[in-house]
Amino acid sequence: MTMSHDNPCQAKTLDEKQEIVDRVERIRLRAKERQAGQAELALGCQPAEVQPLTSDCLGKLPSGAKRERAKLLPAHHVHRDFFLCDLLDVALKDDGVSMEAPIFTLSTKPDLSEWYWESKDGSKSLTVTPSVRGRATQFDKDVLIYVVSQMTQALNRGRADAHNRTVRFTVYDYLVSTNKAINGRSYERLSDTFARLRGTTLQTSIRTGGQRTREIFGLIERAKIVEKSPDDERMVAVEVTLSEWLFRAVQAREVLTIHPDYFRLRKPLERRLYELARKHCGHQTQWVIRLELLQEKAGSKCSLREFRRMVREIIEAGTLPEYRMGLDAADKATFCTMDPRRLVAGLSGKAGIA
């Protein structure tokens, strides 16, 4: 007589799988209920049932057809199903100094060339020297925007630790706040970003907090990994120490609020043009600048003809948050606010040409 024996390991595996499935289903139902409750509070009515996404919803493309690439990066974290730390919802701040001067390269490849910039009136100058890893990129600046935003929020709340140049944060919070995918590649890129920010050095006459730094210094003083994942070598928490030059700008509130969609802009030039518009438009209705001078302020190294082509592509895409951009036959670029209240208030005013 043959006896059958159940495999206890297999049974345990099946039970674990079923438990995971049940847990995921419970999380999904709680998220659905929470979303429905938020809709009731916001609209004062019963929310419509959320239908699951199926392949039929996506539609089918004709044979041989290609999907058109979206103009903006996808919003990776529109609905976050986790406890929302208040530091994730701070107003995004950019320091006015780096918005004015082209510190960061627009190249997506290692930029090993030294960069010199001087303002139109000759009162401000800047020399940027890269390391062997290359000059810090426009995308590397995301770290500084995140740190500056955190520090500004702490200053507004009157926290004593806001006067410390060293900021500690979790990498996960940073990736979510800057609209980056949560994967191994994002962690690896952050490590390269720290290397370029630490290696890029500045020598400038630009004052921050009313003081001028007469020395060569880096964008950050150091970046230290204070915790690593137990499962792999990915960083979990880090400490970043700002340079005194940038720190003074933050302490003196020399910062501007930027739109969250800044982190959805795909091209470095898009981000740079938005910074310039935000810096120079201010509370004006529009800002007009000659294309040649705009290229200098953007820090573009290409020919004027190529720069004109790239600008026209951005104008056609219409991706800049808060502003509409135009370029006429005389090579005069115009940035207009899309805020209707400011448009109405500025109808009687005239913008000067830079």
Protein backbone atom coordinates (compact mmCIF):
# COMPACT_ATOMS: atom_id res chain seq x y z
CA MET A 1 0.00 0.00 0.00
CA THR A 2 1.40 3.33 -1.08
CA MET A 3 0.98 6.34 1.20
CA SER A 4 1.03 9.84 -0.18
CA HIS A 5 2.91 12.43 1.81
CA ASP A 6 2.17 16.16 1.43
CA ASN A 7 5.25 18.29 0.97
CA PRO A 8 5.34 20.68 3.99
CA CYS A 9 7.71 23.07 2.16
CA GLN A 10 5.36 23.27 -0.79
CA ALA A 11 2.38 23.83 1.48
CA LYS A 12 4.20 26.61 3.28
CA THR A 13 5.14 28.24 0.00
CA LEU A 14 1.54 28.13 -1.21
CA ASP A 15 0.31 29.59 2.08
CA GLU A 16 2.87 32.40 1.87
CA LYS A 17 1.87 33.18 -1.68
CA GLN A 18 -1.81 33.28 -0.75
CA GLU A 19 -1.02 35.51 2.23
CA ILE A 20 0.87 37.94 -0.03
CA VAL A 21 -2.00 37.97 -2.53
CA ASP A 22 -4.49 38.66 0.26
CA ARG A 23 -2.30 41.42 1.68
CA VAL A 24 -1.94 43.15 -1.70
CA GLU A 25 -5.71 42.95 -2.21
CA ARG A 26 -6.33 44.53 1.21
CA ILE A 27 -3.90 47.36 0.44
CA ARG A 28 -5.58 47.92 -2.92
CA LEU A 29 -9.04 48.08 -1.34
CA ARG A 30 -7.87 50.49 1.39
CA ALA A 31 -6.29 52.77 -1.22
CA LYS A 32 -9.50 52.68 -3.25
CA GLU A 33 -11.61 53.55 -0.20
CA ARG A 34 -9.26 56.38 0.79
CA GLN A 35 -9.33 57.80 -2.73
CA ALA A 36 -13.13 57.62 -2.75
CA GLY A 37 -13.30 59.41 0.62
CA GLN A 38 -11.03 62.20 -0.65
CA ALA A 39 -13.23 62.62 -3.70
CA GLU A 40 -16.34 62.95 -1.49
CA LEU A 41 -14.67 65.62 0.65
CA ALA A 42 -13.43 67.56 -2.37
CA LEU A 43 -16.58 67.40 -4.49
CA GLY A 44 -19.34 66.84 -1.94
CA CYS A 45 -20.80 63.93 -3.91
CA GLN A 46 -20.52 60.19 -4.26
CA PRO A 47 -17.43 59.26 -6.28
CA ALA A 48 -17.74 57.13 -9.36
CA GLU A 49 -16.40 53.61 -9.07
CA VAL A 50 -12.81 53.36 -10.22
CA GLN A 51 -12.57 50.92 -13.06
CA PRO A 52 -9.47 48.73 -13.32
CA LEU A 53 -7.11 49.46 -16.18
CA THR A 54 -7.26 46.80 -18.88
CA SER A 55 -5.57 46.30 -22.18
CA ASP A 56 -8.83 47.35 -23.90
CA CYS A 57 -8.53 50.80 -22.34
CA LEU A 58 -5.17 51.37 -23.96
CA GLY A 59 -6.36 50.87 -27.48
CA LYS A 60 -4.51 49.29 -30.34
CA LEU A 61 -2.21 50.92 -32.83
CA PRO A 62 -2.36 50.12 -36.55
CA SER A 63 0.21 47.65 -37.75
CA GLY A 64 3.62 49.27 -38.18
CA ALA A 65 2.59 52.49 -36.38
CA LYS A 66 4.74 53.91 -33.57
CA ARG A 67 3.53 55.46 -30.36
CA GLU A 68 4.38 59.15 -30.14
CA ARG A 69 6.70 59.96 -27.25
CA ALA A 70 5.10 62.14 -24.59
CA LYS A 71 6.41 65.70 -24.42
CA LEU A 72 6.76 65.55 -20.63
CA LEU A 73 8.11 62.81 -18.41
CA PRO A 74 5.35 60.76 -16.75
CA ALA A 75 4.31 61.81 -13.25
CA HIS A 76 5.67 58.82 -11.32
CA HIS A 77 4.08 59.66 -7.96
CA VAL A 78 0.73 61.34 -8.51
CA HIS A 79 -0.98 59.14 -5.89
CA ARG A 80 1.42 58.04 -3.16
CA ASP A 81 0.13 55.10 -1.11
CA PHE A 82 2.24 55.65 1.97
CA PHE A 83 2.48 57.90 5.02
CA LEU A 84 3.16 61.39 3.70
CA CYS A 85 6.01 63.03 5.56
CA ASP A 86 5.59 66.83 5.62
CA LEU A 87 9.03 67.23 4.05
CA LEU A 88 7.69 65.67 0.87
CA ASP A 89 5.22 68.50 0.37
CA VAL A 90 7.42 71.55 0.83
CA ALA A 91 7.30 74.32 -1.75
CA LEU A 92 10.12 73.76 -4.23
CA LYS A 93 12.80 76.45 -4.02
CA ASP A 94 15.66 77.30 -6.35
CA ASP A 95 18.50 79.60 -5.35
CA GLY A 96 18.57 82.84 -7.31
CA VAL A 97 22.31 82.72 -7.94
CA SER A 98 22.36 79.52 -10.00
CA MET A 99 19.15 80.61 -11.75
CA GLU A 100 20.98 83.70 -12.98
CA ALA A 101 24.43 82.29 -13.81
CA PRO A 102 24.92 79.21 -16.04
CA ILE A 103 26.75 77.03 -13.53
CA PHE A 104 25.48 73.67 -14.78
CA THR A 105 26.24 72.16 -18.17
CA LEU A 106 23.42 71.46 -20.62
CA SER A 107 25.32 68.52 -22.07
CA THR A 108 24.17 64.98 -21.35
CA LYS A 109 27.70 63.70 -21.96
CA PRO A 110 30.71 64.37 -19.68
CA ASP A 111 31.67 68.03 -20.10
CA LEU A 112 35.37 68.38 -19.31
CA SER A 113 35.83 71.96 -20.51
CA GLU A 114 36.22 74.98 -18.27
CA TRP A 115 33.40 77.51 -18.51
CA TYR A 116 33.64 81.29 -18.06
CA TRP A 117 30.64 83.61 -17.86
CA GLU A 118 30.35 87.36 -17.34
CA SER A 119 27.20 89.42 -16.90
CA LYS A 120 26.18 92.01 -19.47
CA ASP A 121 27.30 94.94 -17.29
CA GLY A 122 30.53 93.20 -16.25
CA SER A 123 29.67 93.30 -12.54
CA LYS A 124 29.40 89.52 -12.16
CA SER A 125 31.70 86.79 -13.39
CA LEU A 126 31.96 83.07 -12.92
CA THR A 127 34.53 80.41 -13.76
CA VAL A 128 33.39 76.78 -13.53
CA THR A 129 36.04 74.05 -13.59
CA PRO A 130 34.99 70.40 -13.95
CA SER A 131 36.62 67.37 -12.39
CA VAL A 132 37.69 64.24 -14.28
CA ARG A 133 34.05 63.07 -13.88
CA GLY A 134 32.83 66.13 -15.78
CA ARG A 135 31.03 69.33 -14.90
CA ALA A 136 27.83 69.10 -12.84
CA THR A 137 24.79 68.82 -15.12
CA GLN A 138 21.42 70.56 -15.12
CA PHE A 139 19.90 67.28 -13.86
CA ASP A 140 22.48 67.12 -11.03
CA LYS A 141 21.01 70.38 -9.78
CA ASP A 142 17.92 68.44 -8.61
CA VAL A 143 19.83 67.54 -5.43
CA LEU A 144 20.49 71.20 -4.63
CA ILE A 145 16.90 72.19 -5.34
CA TYR A 146 15.71 69.46 -2.98
CA VAL A 147 18.15 70.43 -0.21
CA VAL A 148 17.45 74.16 -0.62
CA SER A 149 13.70 73.48 -0.44
CA GLN A 150 14.09 71.46 2.76
CA MET A 151 16.29 74.08 4.39
CA THR A 152 14.00 76.96 3.41
CA GLN A 153 11.00 75.14 4.87
CA ALA A 154 12.90 74.55 8.12
CA LEU A 155 13.85 78.25 8.28
CA ASN A 156 10.23 79.26 7.77
CA ARG A 157 9.25 77.00 10.67
CA GLY A 158 11.91 78.48 12.92
CA ARG A 159 13.79 75.24 13.42
CA ALA A 160 17.22 75.59 15.00
CA ASP A 161 18.78 72.88 12.80
CA ALA A 162 18.05 75.00 9.71
CA HIS A 163 21.25 76.92 10.43
CA ASN A 164 23.39 73.85 9.85
CA ARG A 165 24.98 73.44 6.40
CA THR A 166 24.65 69.65 6.58
CA VAL A 167 21.32 68.16 5.53
CA ARG A 168 20.36 64.50 6.00
CA PHE A 169 17.63 62.91 3.91
CA THR A 170 16.49 59.52 2.68
CA VAL A 171 17.16 58.71 -0.95
CA TYR A 172 13.61 57.42 -1.38
CA ASP A 173 12.13 60.78 -0.33
CA TYR A 174 14.47 62.58 -2.71
CA LEU A 175 13.56 60.35 -5.66
CA VAL A 176 9.84 60.78 -5.01
CA SER A 177 10.07 64.57 -4.55
CA THR A 178 12.05 65.03 -7.77
CA ASN A 179 9.79 62.72 -9.80
CA LYS A 180 12.34 59.99 -10.41
CA ALA A 181 11.65 56.30 -10.82
CA ILE A 182 12.33 54.11 -7.79
CA ASN A 183 14.83 51.61 -9.18
CA GLY A 184 18.47 50.63 -9.03
CA ARG A 185 19.42 52.89 -11.92
CA SER A 186 18.18 55.98 -10.06
CA TYR A 187 20.32 55.05 -7.04
CA GLU A 188 23.38 54.60 -9.27
CA ARG A 189 22.81 57.94 -10.99
CA LEU A 190 22.61 59.69 -7.62
CA SER A 191 26.05 58.38 -6.70
CA ASP A 192 27.46 59.85 -9.95
CA THR A 193 25.61 63.10 -9.25
CA PHE A 194 27.31 63.49 -5.87
CA ALA A 195 30.71 62.93 -7.50
CA ARG A 196 30.12 65.66 -10.09
CA LEU A 197 28.69 68.14 -7.58
CA ARG A 198 31.65 67.58 -5.27
CA GLY A 199 34.19 67.76 -8.09
CA THR A 200 32.90 70.87 -9.89
CA THR A 201 34.62 73.99 -8.54
CA LEU A 202 33.66 77.65 -8.81
CA GLN A 203 35.48 80.95 -8.70
CA THR A 204 33.13 83.92 -8.77
CA SER A 205 32.55 87.55 -7.90
CA ILE A 206 28.83 86.96 -7.29
CA ARG A 207 27.79 87.87 -3.76
CA THR A 208 25.50 85.71 -1.64
CA GLY A 209 24.02 86.98 1.60
CA GLY A 210 25.86 90.26 1.03
CA GLN A 211 29.29 88.56 1.06
CA ARG A 212 31.75 87.72 -1.66
CA THR A 213 33.74 84.48 -1.48
CA ARG A 214 37.33 85.02 -2.65
CA GLU A 215 38.32 81.41 -2.98
CA ILE A 216 37.82 78.33 -5.12
CA PHE A 217 35.04 76.15 -3.75
CA GLY A 218 32.74 73.31 -4.74
CA LEU A 219 28.97 73.26 -5.12
CA ILE A 220 28.82 70.88 -2.16
CA GLU A 221 31.50 70.32 0.43
CA ARG A 222 30.82 66.62 0.81
CA ALA A 223 28.25 63.86 0.40
CA LYS A 224 28.26 61.06 2.95
CA ILE A 225 26.32 57.79 2.85
CA VAL A 226 25.07 57.25 6.41
CA GLU A 227 23.05 54.11 5.78
CA LYS A 228 22.94 51.32 3.20
CA SER A 229 20.29 48.77 2.37
CA PRO A 230 20.85 45.42 4.16
CA ASP A 231 19.93 43.56 0.96
CA ASP A 232 22.34 45.29 -1.41
CA GLU A 233 24.76 48.20 -1.65
CA ARG A 234 22.17 50.85 -2.48
CA MET A 235 22.30 53.99 -0.33
CA VAL A 236 19.28 54.56 1.90
CA ALA A 237 20.15 57.78 3.71
CA VAL A 238 22.76 60.41 2.89
CA GLU A 239 24.19 63.63 4.29
CA VAL A 240 25.00 66.55 2.02
CA THR A 241 26.98 69.57 3.20
CA LEU A 242 26.43 72.73 1.13
CA SER A 243 29.20 75.15 0.27
CA GLU A 244 29.26 78.32 2.38
CA TRP A 245 28.54 80.33 -0.77
CA LEU A 246 25.28 78.52 -1.51
CA PHE A 247 24.38 78.23 2.18
CA ARG A 248 24.53 82.01 2.59
CA ALA A 249 22.12 82.45 -0.31
CA VAL A 250 19.59 80.15 1.38
CA GLN A 251 19.97 81.79 4.80
CA ALA A 252 19.43 85.22 3.19
CA ARG A 253 16.23 83.89 1.52
CA GLU A 254 17.72 84.49 -1.94
CA VAL A 255 15.46 81.77 -3.33
CA LEU A 256 12.44 81.56 -5.63
CA THR A 257 9.57 79.09 -5.69
CA ILE A 258 9.49 76.90 -8.80
CA HIS A 259 6.72 74.81 -10.33
CA PRO A 260 6.63 71.06 -9.50
CA ASP A 261 6.48 70.27 -13.24
CA TYR A 262 10.07 71.49 -13.48
CA PHE A 263 11.05 67.91 -12.62
CA ARG A 264 8.98 66.59 -15.53
CA LEU A 265 10.92 68.53 -18.16
CA ARG A 266 12.94 66.11 -20.30
CA LYS A 267 15.56 68.41 -21.83
CA PRO A 268 18.26 70.32 -19.92
CA LEU A 269 17.60 73.40 -22.07
CA GLU A 270 13.89 73.30 -21.16
CA ARG A 271 14.80 73.39 -17.49
CA ARG A 272 17.30 76.18 -17.99
CA LEU A 273 14.87 78.34 -19.99
CA TYR A 274 12.23 77.90 -17.30
CA GLU A 275 14.73 79.00 -14.64
CA LEU A 276 15.57 82.13 -16.61
CA ALA A 277 11.90 82.93 -17.19
CA ARG A 278 11.13 82.44 -13.50
CA LYS A 279 14.10 84.58 -12.47
CA HIS A 280 13.60 87.50 -14.87
CA CYS A 281 9.83 87.59 -15.30
CA GLY A 282 9.27 87.80 -11.58
CA HIS A 283 5.95 89.59 -11.11
CA GLN A 284 6.03 91.06 -14.63
CA THR A 285 3.66 90.03 -17.38
CA GLN A 286 6.44 89.26 -19.83
CA TRP A 287 10.18 89.34 -20.40
CA VAL A 288 11.81 90.04 -23.77
CA ILE A 289 15.44 89.17 -24.56
CA ARG A 290 17.57 88.90 -27.67
CA LEU A 291 18.25 85.32 -28.69
CA GLU A 292 22.03 85.77 -28.65
CA LEU A 293 21.98 87.03 -25.06
CA LEU A 294 19.52 84.29 -24.09
CA GLN A 295 22.03 81.72 -25.35
CA GLU A 296 24.75 83.25 -23.17
CA LYS A 297 22.53 83.22 -20.09
CA ALA A 298 21.47 79.63 -20.78
CA GLY A 299 25.12 78.53 -21.04
CA SER A 300 24.67 76.86 -24.42
CA LYS A 301 27.85 76.08 -26.36
CA CYS A 302 26.25 75.27 -29.71
CA SER A 303 26.02 77.63 -32.70
CA LEU A 304 23.35 80.33 -32.69
CA ARG A 305 21.63 78.57 -35.58
CA GLU A 306 21.40 75.29 -33.65
CA PHE A 307 20.29 77.11 -30.50
CA ARG A 308 17.52 78.81 -32.49
CA ARG A 309 16.35 75.43 -33.78
CA MET A 310 16.24 73.92 -30.27
CA VAL A 311 14.37 76.94 -28.92
CA ARG A 312 11.77 76.68 -31.68
CA GLU A 313 11.27 73.00 -30.83
CA ILE A 314 10.61 73.90 -27.19
CA ILE A 315 8.23 76.67 -28.25
CA GLU A 316 6.30 74.25 -30.44
CA ALA A 317 6.12 71.65 -27.66
CA GLY A 318 4.83 74.25 -25.18
CA THR A 319 6.22 72.37 -22.17
CA LEU A 320 7.49 75.26 -20.00
CA PRO A 321 5.45 75.47 -16.78
CA GLU A 322 3.78 78.83 -16.04
CA TYR A 323 5.15 80.57 -19.15
CA ARG A 324 4.49 80.74 -22.88
CA MET A 325 7.51 81.42 -25.05
CA GLY A 326 7.76 83.00 -28.50
CA LEU A 327 10.50 83.93 -30.99
CA ASP A 328 10.02 86.48 -33.77
CA ALA A 329 11.83 87.02 -37.05
CA ALA A 330 14.16 89.55 -35.41
CA ASP A 331 15.43 86.90 -32.98
CA LYS A 332 13.68 88.44 -29.97
CA ALA A 333 12.49 85.83 -27.49
CA THR A 334 9.45 86.63 -25.36
CA PHE A 335 8.38 84.85 -22.19
CA CYS A 336 4.77 85.56 -21.14
CA THR A 337 3.15 84.48 -17.92
CA MET A 338 0.12 82.17 -18.20
CA ASP A 339 -1.34 83.52 -14.95
CA PRO A 340 -4.57 85.30 -16.04
CA ARG A 341 -4.54 87.67 -13.06
CA ARG A 342 -1.04 88.87 -13.82
CA LEU A 343 -1.89 89.17 -17.50
CA VAL A 344 -4.85 91.44 -16.77
CA ALA A 345 -2.84 93.50 -14.27
CA GLY A 346 -0.01 93.95 -16.76
CA LEU A 347 -2.02 94.89 -19.86
CA SER A 348 -1.13 98.55 -19.50
CA GLY A 349 2.58 97.92 -18.85
CA LYS A 350 5.38 97.37 -21.34
CA ALA A 351 8.29 94.97 -20.99
CA GLY A 352 11.83 96.11 -21.72
CA ILE A 353 14.24 94.26 -23.94
CA ALA A 354 17.33 92.74 -22.34
